[in-house]
Amino acid sequence: PWALEVMKRHPQISICDQWQYCKAQEVELYKDWWAGKNVHFKGAPADALGQFLGKHVEKVMNVSLDGKKE
């Protein structure tokens, strides 16, 4: 509830829902992670989440991954 209050006052804050990204792929890419007790990703799951986050940052910053303004 506190975060929601801040978000309402600052609509320029961007949300990157990484949890939902992982939840949506829980029976595929993150199957082993959901079954375990480790909170850290390794290998392909970590790479995929990094790509997801990178694309979000790219969109928010309005630049391509090569650093050029779009």
PDB file of N, CA and C in Angstrom:
ATOM      1  N   PRO A   1       0.807  -1.225   0.000  1.00  0.00           N
ATOM      2  CA  PRO A   1       0.000   0.000   0.000  1.00  0.00           C
ATOM      3  C   PRO A   1       0.843   1.279   0.000  1.00  0.00           C
ATOM      4  N   TRP A   2       2.014   1.235   0.650  1.00  0.00           N
ATOM      5  CA  TRP A   2       2.860   2.438   0.689  1.00  0.00           C
ATOM      6  C   TRP A   2       3.456   2.717  -0.678  1.00  0.00           C
ATOM      7  N   ALA A   3       3.872   1.668  -1.352  1.00  0.00           N
ATOM      8  CA  ALA A   3       4.433   1.846  -2.695  1.00  0.00           C
ATOM      9  C   ALA A   3       3.366   2.388  -3.644  1.00  0.00           C
ATOM     10  N   LEU A   4       2.149   1.898  -3.517  1.00  0.00           N
ATOM     11  CA  LEU A   4       1.063   2.374  -4.366  1.00  0.00           C
ATOM     12  C   LEU A   4       0.821   3.865  -4.152  1.00  0.00           C
ATOM     13  N   GLU A   5       0.899   4.296  -2.919  1.00  0.00           N
ATOM     14  CA  GLU A   5       0.737   5.720  -2.606  1.00  0.00           C
ATOM     15  C   GLU A   5       1.819   6.552  -3.297  1.00  0.00           C
ATOM     16  N   VAL A   6       3.047   6.102  -3.242  1.00  0.00           N
ATOM     17  CA  VAL A   6       4.155   6.814  -3.891  1.00  0.00           C
ATOM     18  C   VAL A   6       3.971   6.809  -5.403  1.00  0.00           C
ATOM     19  N   MET A   7       3.587   5.675  -5.952  1.00  0.00           N
ATOM     20  CA  MET A   7       3.402   5.558  -7.394  1.00  0.00           C
ATOM     21  C   MET A   7       2.308   6.507  -7.897  1.00  0.00           C
ATOM     22  N   LYS A   8       1.253   6.671  -7.106  1.00  0.00           N
ATOM     23  CA  LYS A   8       0.176   7.583  -7.495  1.00  0.00           C
ATOM     24  C   LYS A   8       0.660   9.029  -7.523  1.00  0.00           C
ATOM     25  N   ARG A   9       1.540   9.370  -6.591  1.00  0.00           N
ATOM     26  CA  ARG A   9       2.055  10.747  -6.534  1.00  0.00           C
ATOM     27  C   ARG A   9       3.145  10.997  -7.563  1.00  0.00           C
ATOM     28  N   HIS A  10       3.757   9.944  -8.078  1.00  0.00           N
ATOM     29  CA  HIS A  10       4.869  10.070  -9.023  1.00  0.00           C
ATOM     30  C   HIS A  10       4.635   9.147 -10.222  1.00  0.00           C
ATOM     31  N   PRO A  11       3.725   9.532 -11.126  1.00  0.00           N
ATOM     32  CA  PRO A  11       3.401   8.647 -12.255  1.00  0.00           C
ATOM     33  C   PRO A  11       4.556   8.422 -13.226  1.00  0.00           C
ATOM     34  N   GLN A  12       5.609   9.210 -13.113  1.00  0.00           N
ATOM     35  CA  GLN A  12       6.758   9.036 -13.992  1.00  0.00           C
ATOM     36  C   GLN A  12       7.612   7.822 -13.585  1.00  0.00           C
ATOM     37  N   ILE A  13       7.354   7.248 -12.430  1.00  0.00           N
ATOM     38  CA  ILE A  13       8.084   6.065 -11.988  1.00  0.00           C
ATOM     39  C   ILE A  13       7.614   4.870 -12.809  1.00  0.00           C
ATOM     40  N   SER A  14       8.553   4.162 -13.364  1.00  0.00           N
ATOM     41  CA  SER A  14       8.248   3.014 -14.211  1.00  0.00           C
ATOM     42  C   SER A  14       8.265   1.723 -13.390  1.00  0.00           C
ATOM     43  N   ILE A  15       7.349   0.837 -13.710  1.00  0.00           N
ATOM     44  CA  ILE A  15       7.286  -0.461 -13.033  1.00  0.00           C
ATOM     45  C   ILE A  15       7.740  -1.548 -14.005  1.00  0.00           C
ATOM     46  N   CYS A  16       8.692  -2.340 -13.557  1.00  0.00           N
ATOM     47  CA  CYS A  16       9.153  -3.489 -14.334  1.00  0.00           C
ATOM     48  C   CYS A  16       8.813  -4.729 -13.503  1.00  0.00           C
ATOM     49  N   ASP A  17       7.717  -5.367 -13.818  1.00  0.00           N
ATOM     50  CA  ASP A  17       7.203  -6.468 -13.011  1.00  0.00           C
ATOM     51  C   ASP A  17       7.946  -7.768 -13.320  1.00  0.00           C
ATOM     52  N   GLN A  18       9.105  -7.920 -12.703  1.00  0.00           N
ATOM     53  CA  GLN A  18       9.927  -9.101 -12.924  1.00  0.00           C
ATOM     54  C   GLN A  18       9.290 -10.349 -12.320  1.00  0.00           C
ATOM     55  N   TRP A  19       8.583 -10.173 -11.218  1.00  0.00           N
ATOM     56  CA  TRP A  19       7.919 -11.319 -10.607  1.00  0.00           C
ATOM     57  C   TRP A  19       6.893 -11.904 -11.567  1.00  0.00           C
ATOM     58  N   GLN A  20       6.066 -11.050 -12.174  1.00  0.00           N
ATOM     59  CA  GLN A  20       5.048 -11.535 -13.089  1.00  0.00           C
ATOM     60  C   GLN A  20       5.677 -12.198 -14.309  1.00  0.00           C
ATOM     61  N   TYR A  21       6.810 -11.653 -14.759  1.00  0.00           N
ATOM     62  CA  TYR A  21       7.535 -12.257 -15.889  1.00  0.00           C
ATOM     63  C   TYR A  21       7.929 -13.699 -15.547  1.00  0.00           C
ATOM     64  N   CYS A  22       8.465 -13.903 -14.358  1.00  0.00           N
ATOM     65  CA  CYS A  22       8.870 -15.249 -13.940  1.00  0.00           C
ATOM     66  C   CYS A  22       7.653 -16.143 -13.708  1.00  0.00           C
ATOM     67  N   LYS A  23       6.622 -15.586 -13.107  1.00  0.00           N
ATOM     68  CA  LYS A  23       5.405 -16.359 -12.825  1.00  0.00           C
ATOM     69  C   LYS A  23       4.761 -16.849 -14.119  1.00  0.00           C
ATOM     70  N   ALA A  24       4.785 -15.996 -15.154  1.00  0.00           N
ATOM     71  CA  ALA A  24       4.177 -16.363 -16.430  1.00  0.00           C
ATOM     72  C   ALA A  24       4.910 -17.531 -17.098  1.00  0.00           C
ATOM     73  N   GLN A  25       6.159 -17.767 -16.696  1.00  0.00           N
ATOM     74  CA  GLN A  25       6.958 -18.842 -17.297  1.00  0.00           C
ATOM     75  C   GLN A  25       7.342 -19.908 -16.275  1.00  0.00           C
ATOM     76  N   GLU A  26       6.528 -20.019 -15.222  1.00  0.00           N
ATOM     77  CA  GLU A  26       6.880 -20.925 -14.131  1.00  0.00           C
ATOM     78  C   GLU A  26       6.896 -22.402 -14.519  1.00  0.00           C
ATOM     79  N   VAL A  27       6.179 -22.799 -15.544  1.00  0.00           N
ATOM     80  CA  VAL A  27       6.192 -24.214 -15.945  1.00  0.00           C
ATOM     81  C   VAL A  27       7.189 -24.468 -17.064  1.00  0.00           C
ATOM     82  N   GLU A  28       7.842 -23.426 -17.524  1.00  0.00           N
ATOM     83  CA  GLU A  28       8.827 -23.571 -18.598  1.00  0.00           C
ATOM     84  C   GLU A  28      10.211 -23.203 -18.076  1.00  0.00           C
ATOM     85  N   LEU A  29      10.619 -22.006 -18.367  1.00  0.00           N
ATOM     86  CA  LEU A  29      11.972 -21.536 -18.075  1.00  0.00           C
ATOM     87  C   LEU A  29      12.299 -21.530 -16.577  1.00  0.00           C
ATOM     88  N   TYR A  30      11.328 -21.233 -15.735  1.00  0.00           N
ATOM     89  CA  TYR A  30      11.581 -21.107 -14.295  1.00  0.00           C
ATOM     90  C   TYR A  30      11.050 -22.283 -13.487  1.00  0.00           C
ATOM     91  N   LYS A  31      10.783 -23.389 -14.136  1.00  0.00           N
ATOM     92  CA  LYS A  31      10.229 -24.574 -13.478  1.00  0.00           C
ATOM     93  C   LYS A  31      11.098 -25.031 -12.299  1.00  0.00           C
ATOM     94  N   ASP A  32      12.391 -25.185 -12.525  1.00  0.00           N
ATOM     95  CA  ASP A  32      13.286 -25.651 -11.456  1.00  0.00           C
ATOM     96  C   ASP A  32      13.381 -24.633 -10.329  1.00  0.00           C
ATOM     97  N   TRP A  33      13.371 -23.360 -10.685  1.00  0.00           N
ATOM     98  CA  TRP A  33      13.475 -22.318  -9.666  1.00  0.00           C
ATOM     99  C   TRP A  33      12.246 -22.314  -8.762  1.00  0.00           C
ATOM    100  N   TRP A  34      11.053 -22.427  -9.335  1.00  0.00           N
ATOM    101  CA  TRP A  34       9.830 -22.434  -8.529  1.00  0.00           C
ATOM    102  C   TRP A  34       9.793 -23.639  -7.600  1.00  0.00           C
ATOM    103  N   ALA A  35      10.398 -24.749  -8.024  1.00  0.00           N
ATOM    104  CA  ALA A  35      10.376 -25.968  -7.212  1.00  0.00           C
ATOM    105  C   ALA A  35      11.411 -25.932  -6.087  1.00  0.00           C
ATOM    106  N   GLY A  36      12.412 -25.061  -6.207  1.00  0.00           N
ATOM    107  CA  GLY A  36      13.486 -25.016  -5.225  1.00  0.00           C
ATOM    108  C   GLY A  36      13.308 -23.972  -4.149  1.00  0.00           C
ATOM    109  N   LYS A  37      14.355 -23.810  -3.369  1.00  0.00           N
ATOM    110  CA  LYS A  37      14.316 -22.846  -2.288  1.00  0.00           C
ATOM    111  C   LYS A  37      15.351 -21.747  -2.472  1.00  0.00           C
ATOM    112  N   ASN A  38      16.060 -21.756  -3.577  1.00  0.00           N
ATOM    113  CA  ASN A  38      17.088 -20.754  -3.842  1.00  0.00           C
ATOM    114  C   ASN A  38      16.431 -19.541  -4.495  1.00  0.00           C
ATOM    115  N   VAL A  39      16.789 -18.359  -4.043  1.00  0.00           N
ATOM    116  CA  VAL A  39      16.190 -17.143  -4.586  1.00  0.00           C
ATOM    117  C   VAL A  39      16.984 -16.582  -5.761  1.00  0.00           C
ATOM    118  N   HIS A  40      18.102 -17.221  -6.100  1.00  0.00           N
ATOM    119  CA  HIS A  40      18.968 -16.711  -7.163  1.00  0.00           C
ATOM    120  C   HIS A  40      18.775 -17.496  -8.459  1.00  0.00           C
ATOM    121  N   PHE A  41      18.879 -16.774  -9.572  1.00  0.00           N
ATOM    122  CA  PHE A  41      18.809 -17.406 -10.877  1.00  0.00           C
ATOM    123  C   PHE A  41      20.219 -17.645 -11.396  1.00  0.00           C
ATOM    124  N   LYS A  42      20.369 -18.685 -12.186  1.00  0.00           N
ATOM    125  CA  LYS A  42      21.639 -18.977 -12.843  1.00  0.00           C
ATOM    126  C   LYS A  42      21.344 -19.372 -14.285  1.00  0.00           C
ATOM    127  N   GLY A  43      22.334 -19.228 -15.148  1.00  0.00           N
ATOM    128  CA  GLY A  43      22.219 -19.697 -16.522  1.00  0.00           C
ATOM    129  C   GLY A  43      21.119 -19.025 -17.321  1.00  0.00           C
ATOM    130  N   ALA A  44      20.377 -19.835 -18.085  1.00  0.00           N
ATOM    131  CA  ALA A  44      19.343 -19.325 -18.991  1.00  0.00           C
ATOM    132  C   ALA A  44      18.264 -18.506 -18.273  1.00  0.00           C
ATOM    133  N   PRO A  45      17.778 -18.927 -17.095  1.00  0.00           N
ATOM    134  CA  PRO A  45      16.778 -18.105 -16.416  1.00  0.00           C
ATOM    135  C   PRO A  45      17.313 -16.707 -16.054  1.00  0.00           C
ATOM    136  N   ALA A  46      18.555 -16.632 -15.611  1.00  0.00           N
ATOM    137  CA  ALA A  46      19.157 -15.333 -15.285  1.00  0.00           C
ATOM    138  C   ALA A  46      19.329 -14.491 -16.538  1.00  0.00           C
ATOM    139  N   ASP A  47      19.771 -15.115 -17.608  1.00  0.00           N
ATOM    140  CA  ASP A  47      19.949 -14.392 -18.872  1.00  0.00           C
ATOM    141  C   ASP A  47      18.619 -13.845 -19.388  1.00  0.00           C
ATOM    142  N   ALA A  48      17.572 -14.658 -19.315  1.00  0.00           N
ATOM    143  CA  ALA A  48      16.257 -14.235 -19.798  1.00  0.00           C
ATOM    144  C   ALA A  48      15.718 -13.068 -18.976  1.00  0.00           C
ATOM    145  N   LEU A  49      15.874 -13.144 -17.666  1.00  0.00           N
ATOM    146  CA  LEU A  49      15.402 -12.056 -16.814  1.00  0.00           C
ATOM    147  C   LEU A  49      16.214 -10.783 -17.063  1.00  0.00           C
ATOM    148  N   GLY A  50      17.491 -10.933 -17.295  1.00  0.00           N
ATOM    149  CA  GLY A  50      18.335  -9.787 -17.623  1.00  0.00           C
ATOM    150  C   GLY A  50      17.913  -9.128 -18.928  1.00  0.00           C
ATOM    151  N   GLN A  51      17.567  -9.935 -19.917  1.00  0.00           N
ATOM    152  CA  GLN A  51      17.081  -9.401 -21.197  1.00  0.00           C
ATOM    153  C   GLN A  51      15.753  -8.666 -21.001  1.00  0.00           C
ATOM    154  N   PHE A  52      14.869  -9.240 -20.195  1.00  0.00           N
ATOM    155  CA  PHE A  52      13.580  -8.615 -19.901  1.00  0.00           C
ATOM    156  C   PHE A  52      13.787  -7.252 -19.246  1.00  0.00           C
ATOM    157  N   LEU A  53      14.645  -7.210 -18.255  1.00  0.00           N
ATOM    158  CA  LEU A  53      14.933  -5.958 -17.563  1.00  0.00           C
ATOM    159  C   LEU A  53      15.612  -4.961 -18.493  1.00  0.00           C
ATOM    160  N   GLY A  54      16.551  -5.429 -19.299  1.00  0.00           N
ATOM    161  CA  GLY A  54      17.243  -4.554 -20.250  1.00  0.00           C
ATOM    162  C   GLY A  54      16.292  -3.914 -21.241  1.00  0.00           C
ATOM    163  N   LYS A  55      15.326  -4.681 -21.730  1.00  0.00           N
ATOM    164  CA  LYS A  55      14.344  -4.135 -22.663  1.00  0.00           C
ATOM    165  C   LYS A  55      13.467  -3.088 -21.993  1.00  0.00           C
ATOM    166  N   HIS A  56      13.149  -3.319 -20.735  1.00  0.00           N
ATOM    167  CA  HIS A  56      12.350  -2.336 -19.999  1.00  0.00           C
ATOM    168  C   HIS A  56      13.135  -1.030 -19.828  1.00  0.00           C
ATOM    169  N   VAL A  57      14.372  -1.146 -19.426  1.00  0.00           N
ATOM    170  CA  VAL A  57      15.219   0.044 -19.245  1.00  0.00           C
ATOM    171  C   VAL A  57      15.389   0.768 -20.580  1.00  0.00           C
ATOM    172  N   GLU A  58      15.611   0.008 -21.634  1.00  0.00           N
ATOM    173  CA  GLU A  58      15.753   0.576 -22.977  1.00  0.00           C
ATOM    174  C   GLU A  58      14.507   1.396 -23.341  1.00  0.00           C
ATOM    175  N   LYS A  59      13.342   0.843 -23.071  1.00  0.00           N
ATOM    176  CA  LYS A  59      12.081   1.528 -23.370  1.00  0.00           C
ATOM    177  C   LYS A  59      11.944   2.802 -22.531  1.00  0.00           C
ATOM    178  N   VAL A  60      12.219   2.697 -21.244  1.00  0.00           N
ATOM    179  CA  VAL A  60      12.087   3.843 -20.345  1.00  0.00           C
ATOM    180  C   VAL A  60      13.068   4.948 -20.717  1.00  0.00           C
ATOM    181  N   MET A  61      14.280   4.568 -21.058  1.00  0.00           N
ATOM    182  CA  MET A  61      15.309   5.552 -21.384  1.00  0.00           C
ATOM    183  C   MET A  61      15.196   6.038 -22.829  1.00  0.00           C
ATOM    184  N   ASN A  62      14.340   5.371 -23.600  1.00  0.00           N
ATOM    185  CA  ASN A  62      14.122   5.732 -24.995  1.00  0.00           C
ATOM    186  C   ASN A  62      15.413   5.699 -25.799  1.00  0.00           C
ATOM    187  N   VAL A  63      16.208   4.688 -25.540  1.00  0.00           N
ATOM    188  CA  VAL A  63      17.426   4.469 -26.311  1.00  0.00           C
ATOM    189  C   VAL A  63      17.496   3.002 -26.697  1.00  0.00           C
ATOM    190  N   SER A  64      18.186   2.733 -27.766  1.00  0.00           N
ATOM    191  CA  SER A  64      18.390   1.340 -28.139  1.00  0.00           C
ATOM    192  C   SER A  64      19.566   0.792 -27.327  1.00  0.00           C
ATOM    193  N   LEU A  65      19.737  -0.498 -27.325  1.00  0.00           N
ATOM    194  CA  LEU A  65      20.819  -1.093 -26.546  1.00  0.00           C
ATOM    195  C   LEU A  65      22.191  -0.697 -27.059  1.00  0.00           C
ATOM    196  N   ASP A  66      22.271  -0.146 -28.275  1.00  0.00           N
ATOM    197  CA  ASP A  66      23.561   0.327 -28.773  1.00  0.00           C
ATOM    198  C   ASP A  66      23.825   1.764 -28.353  1.00  0.00           C
ATOM    199  N   GLY A  67      22.908   2.353 -27.547  1.00  0.00           N
ATOM    200  CA  GLY A  67      23.135   3.685 -26.997  1.00  0.00           C
ATOM    201  C   GLY A  67      22.594   4.827 -27.821  1.00  0.00           C
ATOM    202  N   LYS A  68      21.944   4.548 -28.931  1.00  0.00           N
ATOM    203  CA  LYS A  68      21.419   5.601 -29.789  1.00  0.00           C
ATOM    204  C   LYS A  68      19.991   5.940 -29.400  1.00  0.00           C
ATOM    205  N   LYS A  69      19.668   7.228 -29.406  1.00  0.00           N
ATOM    206  CA  LYS A  69      18.305   7.680 -29.132  1.00  0.00           C
ATOM    207  C   LYS A  69      17.378   7.198 -30.229  1.00  0.00           C
ATOM    208  N   GLU A  70      16.194   6.803 -29.852  1.00  0.00           N
ATOM    209  CA  GLU A  70      15.211   6.364 -30.844  1.00  0.00           C
ATOM    210  C   GLU A  70      14.283   7.498 -31.183  1.00  0.00           C
TER     211      GLU A  70
END
